Amino acid sequence: MEYHVRTMEERDVPYVSKIENEIFSLPWSEKSFIDAACNPDNIYLVCERTGEIAGYCGMWTVMGEGNVTNVAVHPSYRRQGVAEALLKEMERRAKEKSVTIFFLEVRQSNEAAKKLYEKLGYSPIGTRKRFYERPVEDAIVMSKIL
């Protein structure tokens, strides 16, 4: 399938928010996405297919470190390479900002995401106890050094 990964724009936020609300029990608000995407230090991307947003991701960058804040794919586009395309492009752009290490958290039970992150070179480095709510669950902290 052919996808187009590009910078998230304010006009994308209602569609991103729809996916966010469908997937997550504590979704980000539209304002949170706008604020994050408009910060020039951050990297927020969407992946489109035939004009429809299939997924999105985001990263905050500070002093050479990147914190992956969001990775989400619409259920109808899962297991089709969307998340991998988004993460690879986000990493490419982060390198341009001199980011040398990435961090992310993932639900302990999210086996599909953990496998993808490991495939892309992320390694587990710790646990954040009771990090997630609804349901309460630990987060596995993962990192990747470039």
Foldseek 3Di string as FASTA:
>chain_A
DDKDKDQDDLVCLVLQQVQQVVPDPDGDDSVVVHVQSPPPQKTKMFIDDPRHTQWIWIWHDDPQEIETDDTTGRVVCPPVCRSVVRVVVRVVVSVVVNRFKYKYWDFPPPVVVVVSCVVVAKDFDDKDAQPDVPPGTIITMIMHGD
